[in-house]
Amino acid sequence: MSRSASGAPTGRPPRTSRAEILAAAHRVIDRDGWQNLTIRRLAAEVGASPATVYYHVRDKDDLLIHLLNDYADQIPRPELPVDPRERILAAATIMHDVLAARPWIVEVLAADDLLGESAVWLVEAILAGAVDSGSDPTQAVHLYRNIWYFTAGEILIRANSARRRAQHDRPAYRDQVFGRLDETDYPHLARLADRWPALTAEDTYAEGLRALVDGALPPRSG
């Protein structure tokens, strides 16, 4: 098989479809992690040759782009609230929920935060909600970036914590530190030491998101 000057494959198409390639890639990532996804491993997963995979994607980066777009196509697109502030909260919550289902996507998007072309409407909804609330375009972009950082951080911390608990059956280093705290020097931390794991495990995303948005937008008129 060869490729044309534009990068498109030439020759007889293989029997394995792009949809089958992407489904197999999702399986490899869910099982082994996206860092361990290779063209050769993907070919073995789908039961084809690497040449068959290369017929559909140029390289791993191109494969990841296809995966992101494929996943973005599956994002539900409900009617968002008319109130601009609530519209921002709803769009951000959708973004959080779809990414929390597959935290590896957040890692891939660490350098570029657009979740595929089919998910750009979420970014547009946040920007429009900010502008409709009285923010200028620059402030709207800053709000979106702050929401993205908050959302990505929350997802990655929870995912990494869950992974660590599953892999290591021993007390966290944090618990050892808390056990040595002097109440005279750290009165609040020492008193909360026993409750800290439970308190920090609570799901406070919605509360934190609303506080972030309310603090960033101009006060409601009237």
C-alpha atoms as a PDB file:
ATOM      1  CA  MET A   1       0.000   0.000   0.000  1.00  0.00           C
ATOM      2  CA  SER A   2       1.200   3.530  -0.765  1.00  0.00           C
ATOM      3  CA  ARG A   3       0.034   7.061  -0.159  1.00  0.00           C
ATOM      4  CA  SER A   4      -0.564   9.907  -2.539  1.00  0.00           C
ATOM      5  CA  ALA A   5       1.156  13.285  -2.295  1.00  0.00           C
ATOM      6  CA  SER A   6      -1.766  14.520  -0.169  1.00  0.00           C
ATOM      7  CA  GLY A   7      -1.224  11.745   2.374  1.00  0.00           C
ATOM      8  CA  ALA A   8      -4.312   9.753   1.368  1.00  0.00           C
ATOM      9  CA  PRO A   9      -3.803   5.993   0.973  1.00  0.00           C
ATOM     10  CA  THR A  10      -3.846   4.444  -2.464  1.00  0.00           C
ATOM     11  CA  GLY A  11      -4.420   0.877  -3.570  1.00  0.00           C
ATOM     12  CA  ARG A  12      -7.112  -1.601  -2.648  1.00  0.00           C
ATOM     13  CA  PRO A  13      -8.871  -0.778   0.660  1.00  0.00           C
ATOM     14  CA  PRO A  14      -8.468  -3.367   3.433  1.00  0.00           C
ATOM     15  CA  ARG A  15     -11.472  -5.190   4.806  1.00  0.00           C
ATOM     16  CA  THR A  16     -11.006  -3.759   8.294  1.00  0.00           C
ATOM     17  CA  SER A  17     -12.949  -0.495   8.612  1.00  0.00           C
ATOM     18  CA  ARG A  18     -11.910   2.691  10.372  1.00  0.00           C
ATOM     19  CA  ALA A  19     -14.734   2.162  12.866  1.00  0.00           C
ATOM     20  CA  GLU A  20     -13.251  -1.220  13.789  1.00  0.00           C
ATOM     21  CA  ILE A  21      -9.807   0.361  14.112  1.00  0.00           C
ATOM     22  CA  LEU A  22     -11.124   3.050  16.455  1.00  0.00           C
ATOM     23  CA  ALA A  23     -13.105   0.555  18.539  1.00  0.00           C
ATOM     24  CA  ALA A  24      -9.980  -1.556  18.943  1.00  0.00           C
ATOM     25  CA  ALA A  25      -7.947   1.527  19.897  1.00  0.00           C
ATOM     26  CA  HIS A  26     -10.459   2.359  22.630  1.00  0.00           C
ATOM     27  CA  ARG A  27     -10.082  -1.190  23.975  1.00  0.00           C
ATOM     28  CA  VAL A  28      -6.289  -0.931  24.053  1.00  0.00           C
ATOM     29  CA  ILE A  29      -6.431   2.423  25.837  1.00  0.00           C
ATOM     30  CA  ASP A  30      -8.979   1.249  28.407  1.00  0.00           C
ATOM     31  CA  ARG A  31      -6.861  -1.819  29.118  1.00  0.00           C
ATOM     32  CA  ASP A  32      -3.273  -0.580  28.791  1.00  0.00           C
ATOM     33  CA  GLY A  33      -3.396   3.245  28.821  1.00  0.00           C
ATOM     34  CA  TRP A  34      -3.081   5.664  25.925  1.00  0.00           C
ATOM     35  CA  GLN A  35       0.693   5.945  26.340  1.00  0.00           C
ATOM     36  CA  ASN A  36       0.983   2.252  25.447  1.00  0.00           C
ATOM     37  CA  LEU A  37      -1.134   2.540  22.320  1.00  0.00           C
ATOM     38  CA  THR A  38       1.044   1.809  19.287  1.00  0.00           C
ATOM     39  CA  ILE A  39       0.223   1.029  15.690  1.00  0.00           C
ATOM     40  CA  ARG A  40       1.700  -2.453  16.068  1.00  0.00           C
ATOM     41  CA  ARG A  41      -0.273  -3.184  19.244  1.00  0.00           C
ATOM     42  CA  LEU A  42      -3.430  -1.847  17.627  1.00  0.00           C
ATOM     43  CA  ALA A  43      -2.888  -4.059  14.592  1.00  0.00           C
ATOM     44  CA  ALA A  44      -2.570  -7.101  16.857  1.00  0.00           C
ATOM     45  CA  GLU A  45      -5.733  -6.103  18.713  1.00  0.00           C
ATOM     46  CA  VAL A  46      -7.775  -5.849  15.526  1.00  0.00           C
ATOM     47  CA  GLY A  47      -6.198  -8.966  13.997  1.00  0.00           C
ATOM     48  CA  ALA A  48      -4.692  -7.216  10.998  1.00  0.00           C
ATOM     49  CA  SER A  49      -1.317  -6.045   9.752  1.00  0.00           C
ATOM     50  CA  PRO A  50       0.174  -2.626  10.624  1.00  0.00           C
ATOM     51  CA  ALA A  51      -0.264  -1.737   6.935  1.00  0.00           C
ATOM     52  CA  THR A  52      -4.017  -2.077   7.390  1.00  0.00           C
ATOM     53  CA  VAL A  53      -3.969   0.410  10.272  1.00  0.00           C
ATOM     54  CA  TYR A  54      -1.782   2.806   8.288  1.00  0.00           C
ATOM     55  CA  TYR A  55      -4.387   2.723   5.526  1.00  0.00           C
ATOM     56  CA  HIS A  56      -6.726   4.591   7.909  1.00  0.00           C
ATOM     57  CA  VAL A  57      -4.317   6.738   9.989  1.00  0.00           C
ATOM     58  CA  ARG A  58      -0.936   8.344   9.304  1.00  0.00           C
ATOM     59  CA  ASP A  59       0.578   7.800  12.743  1.00  0.00           C
ATOM     60  CA  LYS A  60      -0.278   7.702  16.446  1.00  0.00           C
ATOM     61  CA  ASP A  61      -1.012  11.434  16.636  1.00  0.00           C
ATOM     62  CA  ASP A  62      -3.430  11.148  13.732  1.00  0.00           C
ATOM     63  CA  LEU A  63      -5.025   8.131  15.425  1.00  0.00           C
ATOM     64  CA  LEU A  64      -5.528  10.106  18.648  1.00  0.00           C
ATOM     65  CA  ILE A  65      -7.195  12.926  16.715  1.00  0.00           C
ATOM     66  CA  HIS A  66      -9.600  10.448  15.145  1.00  0.00           C
ATOM     67  CA  LEU A  67     -10.314   8.967  18.572  1.00  0.00           C
ATOM     68  CA  LEU A  68     -11.035  12.390  20.068  1.00  0.00           C
ATOM     69  CA  ASN A  69     -13.391  13.289  17.244  1.00  0.00           C
ATOM     70  CA  ASP A  70     -15.072   9.894  17.447  1.00  0.00           C
ATOM     71  CA  TYR A  71     -15.692  10.351  21.157  1.00  0.00           C
ATOM     72  CA  ALA A  72     -16.811  13.963  20.701  1.00  0.00           C
ATOM     73  CA  ASP A  73     -19.427  12.796  18.194  1.00  0.00           C
ATOM     74  CA  GLN A  74     -21.028  10.777  20.986  1.00  0.00           C
ATOM     75  CA  ILE A  75     -21.452  13.703  23.387  1.00  0.00           C
ATOM     76  CA  PRO A  76     -25.141  14.395  24.076  1.00  0.00           C
ATOM     77  CA  ARG A  77     -26.263  17.846  23.006  1.00  0.00           C
ATOM     78  CA  PRO A  78     -29.242  18.849  25.142  1.00  0.00           C
ATOM     79  CA  GLU A  79     -31.005  22.189  25.069  1.00  0.00           C
ATOM     80  CA  LEU A  80     -29.014  24.544  27.304  1.00  0.00           C
ATOM     81  CA  PRO A  81     -30.621  27.008  29.753  1.00  0.00           C
ATOM     82  CA  VAL A  82     -31.593  30.459  28.499  1.00  0.00           C
ATOM     83  CA  ASP A  83     -30.034  32.155  31.523  1.00  0.00           C
ATOM     84  CA  PRO A  84     -26.398  32.786  30.492  1.00  0.00           C
ATOM     85  CA  ARG A  85     -24.916  31.945  33.886  1.00  0.00           C
ATOM     86  CA  GLU A  86     -26.799  28.665  34.081  1.00  0.00           C
ATOM     87  CA  ARG A  87     -25.845  27.985  30.450  1.00  0.00           C
ATOM     88  CA  ILE A  88     -22.159  28.195  31.381  1.00  0.00           C
ATOM     89  CA  LEU A  89     -22.662  25.832  34.320  1.00  0.00           C
ATOM     90  CA  ALA A  90     -24.572  23.333  32.186  1.00  0.00           C
ATOM     91  CA  ALA A  91     -21.984  23.326  29.372  1.00  0.00           C
ATOM     92  CA  ALA A  92     -19.099  22.951  31.824  1.00  0.00           C
ATOM     93  CA  THR A  93     -20.864  20.101  33.609  1.00  0.00           C
ATOM     94  CA  ILE A  94     -21.389  18.240  30.336  1.00  0.00           C
ATOM     95  CA  MET A  95     -17.706  18.726  29.529  1.00  0.00           C
ATOM     96  CA  HIS A  96     -16.749  17.414  32.975  1.00  0.00           C
ATOM     97  CA  ASP A  97     -19.001  14.375  32.837  1.00  0.00           C
ATOM     98  CA  VAL A  98     -17.916  13.169  29.386  1.00  0.00           C
ATOM     99  CA  LEU A  99     -14.237  13.626  30.227  1.00  0.00           C
ATOM    100  CA  ALA A 100     -14.535  11.997  33.658  1.00  0.00           C
ATOM    101  CA  ALA A 101     -15.756   8.853  31.902  1.00  0.00           C
ATOM    102  CA  ARG A 102     -12.409   8.661  30.059  1.00  0.00           C
ATOM    103  CA  PRO A 103      -9.731  10.583  31.981  1.00  0.00           C
ATOM    104  CA  TRP A 104      -7.033   9.652  29.449  1.00  0.00           C
ATOM    105  CA  ILE A 105      -8.556  12.223  27.097  1.00  0.00           C
ATOM    106  CA  VAL A 106      -7.707  14.979  29.585  1.00  0.00           C
ATOM    107  CA  GLU A 107      -4.073  13.836  29.551  1.00  0.00           C
ATOM    108  CA  VAL A 108      -4.009  13.940  25.753  1.00  0.00           C
ATOM    109  CA  LEU A 109      -5.612  17.392  25.756  1.00  0.00           C
ATOM    110  CA  ALA A 110      -3.217  18.830  28.327  1.00  0.00           C
ATOM    111  CA  ALA A 111      -1.552  20.960  25.643  1.00  0.00           C
ATOM    112  CA  ASP A 112      -4.671  21.697  23.568  1.00  0.00           C
ATOM    113  CA  ASP A 113      -8.038  21.859  25.265  1.00  0.00           C
ATOM    114  CA  LEU A 114     -10.504  21.467  22.397  1.00  0.00           C
ATOM    115  CA  LEU A 115     -12.254  18.107  22.573  1.00  0.00           C
ATOM    116  CA  GLY A 116     -12.531  17.508  18.846  1.00  0.00           C
ATOM    117  CA  GLU A 117     -14.512  19.497  16.322  1.00  0.00           C
ATOM    118  CA  SER A 118     -17.821  18.011  17.427  1.00  0.00           C
ATOM    119  CA  ALA A 119     -17.356  19.368  20.970  1.00  0.00           C
ATOM    120  CA  VAL A 120     -16.496  22.969  20.083  1.00  0.00           C
ATOM    121  CA  TRP A 121     -20.118  23.895  20.784  1.00  0.00           C
ATOM    122  CA  LEU A 122     -19.386  23.479  24.506  1.00  0.00           C
ATOM    123  CA  VAL A 123     -16.632  26.083  24.319  1.00  0.00           C
ATOM    124  CA  GLU A 124     -18.895  28.378  22.300  1.00  0.00           C
ATOM    125  CA  ALA A 125     -21.675  28.028  24.880  1.00  0.00           C
ATOM    126  CA  ILE A 126     -19.339  29.053  27.716  1.00  0.00           C
ATOM    127  CA  LEU A 127     -17.952  32.028  25.799  1.00  0.00           C
ATOM    128  CA  ALA A 128     -21.431  33.170  24.741  1.00  0.00           C
ATOM    129  CA  GLY A 129     -22.748  32.813  28.276  1.00  0.00           C
ATOM    130  CA  ALA A 130     -19.911  34.948  29.617  1.00  0.00           C
ATOM    131  CA  VAL A 131     -20.407  37.679  27.000  1.00  0.00           C
ATOM    132  CA  ASP A 132     -24.187  37.651  27.559  1.00  0.00           C
ATOM    133  CA  SER A 133     -23.476  38.089  31.278  1.00  0.00           C
ATOM    134  CA  GLY A 134     -21.520  41.291  30.635  1.00  0.00           C
ATOM    135  CA  SER A 135     -17.953  40.033  30.175  1.00  0.00           C
ATOM    136  CA  ASP A 136     -15.837  41.272  27.298  1.00  0.00           C
ATOM    137  CA  PRO A 137     -14.367  38.673  24.891  1.00  0.00           C
ATOM    138  CA  THR A 138     -11.019  38.560  26.709  1.00  0.00           C
ATOM    139  CA  GLN A 139     -12.706  37.977  30.050  1.00  0.00           C
ATOM    140  CA  ALA A 140     -14.850  35.287  28.451  1.00  0.00           C
ATOM    141  CA  VAL A 141     -11.767  33.425  27.225  1.00  0.00           C
ATOM    142  CA  HIS A 142     -10.130  33.725  30.647  1.00  0.00           C
ATOM    143  CA  LEU A 143     -13.263  32.311  32.273  1.00  0.00           C
ATOM    144  CA  TYR A 144     -13.281  29.377  29.889  1.00  0.00           C
ATOM    145  CA  ARG A 145      -9.608  28.671  30.550  1.00  0.00           C
ATOM    146  CA  ASN A 146     -10.165  28.786  34.304  1.00  0.00           C
ATOM    147  CA  ILE A 147     -13.101  26.382  33.964  1.00  0.00           C
ATOM    148  CA  TRP A 148     -10.946  24.069  31.847  1.00  0.00           C
ATOM    149  CA  TYR A 149      -8.072  24.093  34.359  1.00  0.00           C
ATOM    150  CA  PHE A 150     -10.459  23.463  37.248  1.00  0.00           C
ATOM    151  CA  THR A 151     -12.238  20.660  35.391  1.00  0.00           C
ATOM    152  CA  ALA A 152      -9.092  18.964  34.092  1.00  0.00           C
ATOM    153  CA  GLY A 153      -7.392  19.150  37.478  1.00  0.00           C
ATOM    154  CA  GLU A 154     -10.380  17.680  39.289  1.00  0.00           C
ATOM    155  CA  ILE A 155     -10.652  14.784  36.850  1.00  0.00           C
ATOM    156  CA  LEU A 156      -6.938  13.935  36.816  1.00  0.00           C
ATOM    157  CA  ILE A 157      -6.542  14.094  40.581  1.00  0.00           C
ATOM    158  CA  ARG A 158      -9.512  11.813  41.148  1.00  0.00           C
ATOM    159  CA  ALA A 159      -8.411   9.379  38.440  1.00  0.00           C
ATOM    160  CA  ASN A 160      -4.827   9.219  39.689  1.00  0.00           C
ATOM    161  CA  SER A 161      -5.953   8.799  43.294  1.00  0.00           C
ATOM    162  CA  ALA A 162      -8.257   5.936  42.338  1.00  0.00           C
ATOM    163  CA  ARG A 163      -5.479   4.314  40.309  1.00  0.00           C
ATOM    164  CA  ARG A 164      -3.039   4.568  43.186  1.00  0.00           C
ATOM    165  CA  ARG A 165      -5.491   3.052  45.669  1.00  0.00           C
ATOM    166  CA  ALA A 166      -6.094   0.160  43.297  1.00  0.00           C
ATOM    167  CA  GLN A 167      -2.376  -0.494  42.808  1.00  0.00           C
ATOM    168  CA  HIS A 168      -1.028   0.055  46.332  1.00  0.00           C
ATOM    169  CA  ASP A 169      -2.559  -1.557  49.387  1.00  0.00           C
ATOM    170  CA  ARG A 170      -0.881   0.662  51.956  1.00  0.00           C
ATOM    171  CA  PRO A 171      -1.552   3.991  53.722  1.00  0.00           C
ATOM    172  CA  ALA A 172      -1.011   7.097  51.632  1.00  0.00           C
ATOM    173  CA  TYR A 173       2.066   9.204  52.358  1.00  0.00           C
ATOM    174  CA  ARG A 174      -0.323  12.029  53.232  1.00  0.00           C
ATOM    175  CA  ASP A 175      -1.692   9.943  56.108  1.00  0.00           C
ATOM    176  CA  GLN A 176       1.814   9.478  57.488  1.00  0.00           C
ATOM    177  CA  VAL A 177       2.428  13.228  57.387  1.00  0.00           C
ATOM    178  CA  PHE A 178      -0.879  13.990  59.082  1.00  0.00           C
ATOM    179  CA  GLY A 179      -0.098  11.493  61.806  1.00  0.00           C
ATOM    180  CA  ARG A 180       3.007  13.504  62.802  1.00  0.00           C
ATOM    181  CA  LEU A 181       1.429  16.968  62.851  1.00  0.00           C
ATOM    182  CA  ASP A 182       1.892  19.020  66.012  1.00  0.00           C
ATOM    183  CA  GLU A 183      -1.433  20.557  67.020  1.00  0.00           C
ATOM    184  CA  THR A 184       0.393  23.593  68.392  1.00  0.00           C
ATOM    185  CA  ASP A 185       1.895  24.456  64.995  1.00  0.00           C
ATOM    186  CA  TYR A 186      -0.932  23.160  62.768  1.00  0.00           C
ATOM    187  CA  PRO A 187      -4.103  23.296  64.886  1.00  0.00           C
ATOM    188  CA  HIS A 188      -6.622  23.135  62.038  1.00  0.00           C
ATOM    189  CA  LEU A 189      -4.895  20.380  60.081  1.00  0.00           C
ATOM    190  CA  ALA A 190      -4.274  18.294  63.193  1.00  0.00           C
ATOM    191  CA  ARG A 191      -7.913  18.498  64.260  1.00  0.00           C
ATOM    192  CA  LEU A 192      -9.097  17.523  60.786  1.00  0.00           C
ATOM    193  CA  ALA A 193      -6.545  14.738  60.237  1.00  0.00           C
ATOM    194  CA  ASP A 194      -8.986  11.892  60.899  1.00  0.00           C
ATOM    195  CA  ARG A 195     -11.671  13.418  58.685  1.00  0.00           C
ATOM    196  CA  TRP A 196      -9.380  14.679  55.913  1.00  0.00           C
ATOM    197  CA  PRO A 197      -9.572  11.627  53.590  1.00  0.00           C
ATOM    198  CA  ALA A 198     -13.376  11.554  53.737  1.00  0.00           C
ATOM    199  CA  LEU A 199     -13.758  15.305  53.336  1.00  0.00           C
ATOM    200  CA  THR A 200     -11.398  15.545  50.371  1.00  0.00           C
ATOM    201  CA  ALA A 201     -13.072  12.549  48.707  1.00  0.00           C
ATOM    202  CA  GLU A 202     -16.436  14.343  48.560  1.00  0.00           C
ATOM    203  CA  ASP A 203     -17.647  15.400  45.127  1.00  0.00           C
ATOM    204  CA  THR A 204     -17.597  19.208  45.275  1.00  0.00           C
ATOM    205  CA  TYR A 205     -17.240  19.893  41.542  1.00  0.00           C
ATOM    206  CA  ALA A 206     -20.652  21.533  41.105  1.00  0.00           C
ATOM    207  CA  GLU A 207     -20.159  23.713  44.178  1.00  0.00           C
ATOM    208  CA  GLY A 208     -16.668  24.760  43.128  1.00  0.00           C
ATOM    209  CA  LEU A 209     -17.724  25.415  39.536  1.00  0.00           C
ATOM    210  CA  ARG A 210     -20.552  27.703  40.611  1.00  0.00           C
ATOM    211  CA  ALA A 211     -18.243  29.615  42.959  1.00  0.00           C
ATOM    212  CA  LEU A 212     -15.703  30.014  40.150  1.00  0.00           C
ATOM    213  CA  VAL A 213     -18.308  31.274  37.660  1.00  0.00           C
ATOM    214  CA  ASP A 214     -20.049  33.584  40.143  1.00  0.00           C
ATOM    215  CA  GLY A 215     -16.722  35.087  41.148  1.00  0.00           C
ATOM    216  CA  ALA A 216     -15.610  35.683  37.559  1.00  0.00           C
ATOM    217  CA  LEU A 217     -18.779  37.148  36.048  1.00  0.00           C
ATOM    218  CA  PRO A 218     -20.047  40.684  36.646  1.00  0.00           C
ATOM    219  CA  PRO A 219     -22.716  40.886  39.369  1.00  0.00           C
ATOM    220  CA  ARG A 220     -26.267  40.310  38.233  1.00  0.00           C
ATOM    221  CA  SER A 221     -28.056  43.554  37.509  1.00  0.00           C
ATOM    222  CA  GLY A 222     -31.036  44.417  39.638  1.00  0.00           C
END
